[in-house]
């Protein structure tokens, strides 16, 4: 069976980007980028859910399950399952703070170390991608930010 890589997946409309409208080209590029992102997640030392939890908690502020659910915009039952998995894996610890009835969660040393390893790996791949752009990297980032904001406005409208 042939290996399928993100760059080998053909566009649904055309294999020649010059034949595509700009919006279809963007859709195809974002599809490829998403395939690359999923591959990076598969190779990460952290699972997606653990990575999200540790990213949120990397600011050093312990949170309750409700605060985590609100921040991640997930159902509390989903967060409960994910937090319990991270607790069992030794990535988080749960504790009670004086004056608070709800238990708090924060990363363990192991969780912090695994988060730093995964973050360094991911940021290294982004840095490699940006390095190809050379002096155009700043312009690319400005344009990507404008695009992301405009796209967000369009899907929320």
Protein backbone atom coordinates (compact mmCIF):
# COMPACT_ATOMS: atom_id res chain seq x y z
CA UNK A 1 0.00 0.00 0.00
CA UNK A 2 1.50 3.39 -0.96
CA UNK A 3 2.36 5.85 1.77
CA UNK A 4 0.18 8.96 1.80
CA UNK A 5 1.91 12.10 2.97
CA UNK A 6 0.28 15.52 3.34
CA UNK A 7 2.08 16.88 0.28
CA UNK A 8 1.02 13.87 -1.83
CA UNK A 9 -2.72 14.30 -1.25
CA UNK A 10 -4.23 15.83 -4.38
CA UNK A 11 -6.60 18.78 -4.25
CA UNK A 12 -10.24 17.76 -4.62
CA UNK A 13 -10.66 20.02 -7.66
CA UNK A 14 -7.34 20.05 -9.44
CA UNK A 15 -3.75 18.96 -9.08
CA UNK A 16 -2.48 22.23 -10.60
CA UNK A 17 -2.75 25.16 -8.11
CA UNK A 18 -2.80 27.59 -11.05
CA UNK A 19 -6.20 26.15 -12.05
CA UNK A 20 -7.73 26.85 -8.65
CA UNK A 21 -9.55 29.95 -7.44
CA UNK A 22 -7.81 31.63 -4.51
CA UNK A 23 -10.42 30.43 -2.01
CA UNK A 24 -10.04 26.80 -3.17
CA UNK A 25 -6.27 27.14 -3.05
CA UNK A 26 -6.47 28.38 0.55
CA UNK A 27 -8.79 25.49 1.40
CA UNK A 28 -6.33 23.02 -0.12
CA UNK A 29 -3.36 24.56 1.68
CA UNK A 30 -5.18 24.55 5.00
CA UNK A 31 -6.12 20.91 4.41
CA UNK A 32 -2.45 20.06 3.83
CA UNK A 33 -1.44 22.08 6.88
CA UNK A 34 -4.02 20.21 8.97
CA UNK A 35 -2.59 16.88 7.79
CA UNK A 36 0.89 18.06 8.80
CA UNK A 37 -0.47 19.22 12.17
CA UNK A 38 -2.07 15.83 12.82
CA UNK A 39 1.18 14.06 11.96
CA UNK A 40 3.02 16.35 14.39
CA UNK A 41 0.43 15.53 17.07
CA UNK A 42 0.90 11.81 16.47
CA UNK A 43 4.65 12.18 16.93
CA UNK A 44 4.36 14.46 19.95
CA UNK A 45 5.41 13.18 23.38
CA UNK A 46 1.96 14.37 24.57
CA UNK A 47 -1.53 13.52 23.41
CA UNK A 48 -3.72 16.32 22.12
CA UNK A 49 -5.90 16.52 25.23
CA UNK A 50 -2.89 16.45 27.58
CA UNK A 51 -1.17 19.11 25.49
CA UNK A 52 -4.22 21.38 25.66
CA UNK A 53 -4.52 20.95 29.42
CA UNK A 54 -0.84 21.61 30.03
CA UNK A 55 -0.86 24.61 27.65
CA UNK A 56 -3.73 26.15 29.63
CA UNK A 57 -2.08 25.43 32.97
CA UNK A 58 1.37 26.58 31.82
CA UNK A 59 0.61 30.08 33.12
CA UNK A 60 1.14 28.77 36.66
CA UNK A 61 -2.45 29.36 37.81
CA UNK A 62 -4.18 26.23 39.16
CA UNK A 63 -7.77 25.82 37.98
CA UNK A 64 -10.93 23.95 38.87
CA UNK A 65 -12.60 21.56 36.44
CA UNK A 66 -15.21 24.21 35.70
CA UNK A 67 -12.54 26.84 34.94
CA UNK A 68 -10.73 24.40 32.66
CA UNK A 69 -13.97 23.51 30.85
CA UNK A 70 -14.82 27.19 30.32
CA UNK A 71 -11.34 28.11 29.12
CA UNK A 72 -11.16 25.18 26.69
CA UNK A 73 -14.83 25.53 25.68
CA UNK A 74 -15.46 21.86 26.36
CA UNK A 75 -18.19 20.01 28.24
CA UNK A 76 -17.31 19.50 31.88
CA UNK A 77 -17.74 15.72 31.48
CA UNK A 78 -15.11 15.75 28.70
CA UNK A 79 -12.74 17.80 30.83
CA UNK A 80 -13.33 15.50 33.80
CA UNK A 81 -12.35 12.47 31.71
CA UNK A 82 -9.30 14.23 30.25
CA UNK A 83 -8.13 15.55 33.62
CA UNK A 84 -8.54 12.10 35.19
CA UNK A 85 -6.41 10.66 32.38
CA UNK A 86 -3.72 13.30 32.94
CA UNK A 87 -3.82 12.63 36.70
CA UNK A 88 -3.41 8.89 36.11
CA UNK A 89 -0.49 9.58 33.74
CA UNK A 90 1.22 11.72 36.39
CA UNK A 91 0.97 14.92 34.34
CA UNK A 92 -1.34 16.79 36.73
CA UNK A 93 -1.96 16.88 40.43
CA UNK A 94 -5.25 17.67 42.19
CA UNK A 95 -5.33 19.48 45.52
CA UNK A 96 -7.54 21.49 47.81
CA UNK A 97 -6.63 25.06 48.67
CA UNK A 98 -7.64 26.66 51.96
CA UNK A 99 -10.89 28.58 51.62
CA UNK A 100 -11.91 26.85 48.37
CA UNK A 101 -14.40 24.03 48.16
CA UNK A 102 -13.57 22.99 44.58
CA UNK A 103 -10.37 21.08 44.00
CA UNK A 104 -7.65 22.67 41.90
CA UNK A 105 -5.41 21.17 39.23
CA UNK A 106 -1.87 22.03 38.23
CA UNK A 107 0.96 20.34 36.30
CA UNK A 108 3.39 18.05 38.06
CA UNK A 109 7.12 18.29 37.40
CA UNK A 110 6.70 15.40 34.94
CA UNK A 111 3.84 17.26 33.25
CA UNK A 112 5.92 20.43 32.95
CA UNK A 113 8.87 18.51 31.51
CA UNK A 114 6.72 16.67 28.95
CA UNK A 115 5.00 19.93 28.01
CA UNK A 116 8.35 21.67 27.46
CA UNK A 117 9.58 18.77 25.33
CA UNK A 118 6.42 18.77 23.19
CA UNK A 119 6.41 22.56 22.89
CA UNK A 120 10.07 22.66 21.86
CA UNK A 121 9.41 20.02 19.23
CA UNK A 122 6.39 21.88 17.83
CA UNK A 123 8.05 25.29 17.90
CA UNK A 124 11.12 23.83 16.20
CA UNK A 125 8.97 22.68 13.28
CA UNK A 126 7.36 26.12 13.04
CA UNK A 127 10.81 27.75 13.14
CA UNK A 128 11.97 25.46 10.31
CA UNK A 129 8.95 26.47 8.24
CA UNK A 130 9.51 30.16 8.91
CA UNK A 131 13.23 29.88 8.16
CA UNK A 132 12.42 28.92 4.57
CA UNK A 133 10.74 32.32 4.20
CA UNK A 134 13.85 34.20 5.28
CA UNK A 135 13.28 37.95 5.37
CA UNK A 136 9.65 37.45 4.30
CA UNK A 137 8.76 35.66 7.56
CA UNK A 138 7.60 38.87 9.30
CA UNK A 139 5.39 39.82 6.37
CA UNK A 140 3.97 36.30 6.25
CA UNK A 141 3.12 36.41 9.96
CA UNK A 142 1.43 39.81 9.62
CA UNK A 143 -0.61 38.59 6.67
CA UNK A 144 -1.47 35.31 8.38
CA UNK A 145 -2.69 37.24 11.42
CA UNK A 146 -4.86 39.48 9.22
CA UNK A 147 -6.22 36.43 7.40
CA UNK A 148 -6.97 34.56 10.64
CA UNK A 149 -8.79 37.60 12.06
CA UNK A 150 -10.83 38.15 8.87
CA UNK A 151 -11.65 34.44 8.61
CA UNK A 152 -12.75 34.42 12.25
CA UNK A 153 -14.96 37.44 11.64
CA UNK A 154 -16.51 35.73 8.60
CA UNK A 155 -17.35 32.48 10.39
CA UNK A 156 -18.79 34.30 13.41
CA UNK A 157 -20.99 36.58 11.27
